[in-house]
Amino acid sequence: LSGLDPAQPYFQDTPTEVRLDKSDADFVDVIHTDSAPTIPNLGFGIRPAIGHIDFYPNGGEEMPGCGKNPISQIVDIDGIWEGTRDFVACNHLRSYKYYSDSIIYPDGFLGYPCASYELFQSGSCFPCPEEGCPNMGHYADKFKDKIKSSLLKLYLNTADAKDFPLWRYKVTVTLSGRSKVNGYVNVALYGSGGNTRQYQITKGTLKPDNTYTAYIDVEVNVGEVTKVKFLWNNNWINPTLPKLGAATITVEVGETR
């Protein structure tokens, strides 16, 4: 039984008989997309974990793409009726959009077990544990026999528009060169499953021999990594023409570790 952002008003903190609960089916998975408090934030979705596994995409409160200005959202790609409805309850309605996307992407929407969204964002809950990570949505039940705890909160990030799934990688870059410079370092991943756009690993002071790490959520499952593109840029024109390279770049895949 899949709960798509089950309702908060009149249901949160009520007895299990009158709301969705893990006792309602052999396997209950829940997607929370609008779990901010109803007062004053107008959150429509229930906040506590109530299933066998509970997914909190983007932290479960504010979904990317729902903060667009009213006009662009109402005259949306899906038409005026869909756009108007989305404007009123965009976060709440993301749950079924993620679910429908999950049918098309059986390898997408990996949920990482974590105590909080902040810890997930910082990389503390990366990579997946040994038993793996469940997929939010249609294929969540593939994880049914791997659940090890009575409370399983799962976090992930999504894109701000269709197609919604993102894949998480840890990228570590050790720089080489002679002198430190100010600027940024970008990396793009190439692989058997496709290529990503550039993602910023660090910006500010770039020091040779220093190591910089970033957790990136990319728009394609790269598959087997075949190439990494490294790009750095100075913040301003430097007459000394400093040179920086990448001594090593390590890419870790969240799913397979």
Foldseek 3Di string as FASTA:
>chain_A
DEAQQWFDPPPAPDDCVVGPAQVPDLFYEYEAQACDDCVPPNGGGPDDQGTQEYECEVQRHHAAQLPDDLVDQCCDPVHNVVSVVCNVPVRSVVSVVQQVLCVVPVPFQFWFFDPGPVCVQVVVRFAHPPLFTAHPHDRNCVCSVVRDDSYTYTYYYFDNDPVTTWFKKKKKFAKAFDAKAFWWKWKKWAAPWGIFDIDTQDGTIDGHRDMTMHMDTTDIDRYGTDDMDMDIDGPDDDVVPTDMDTPDMDMDGRGPD
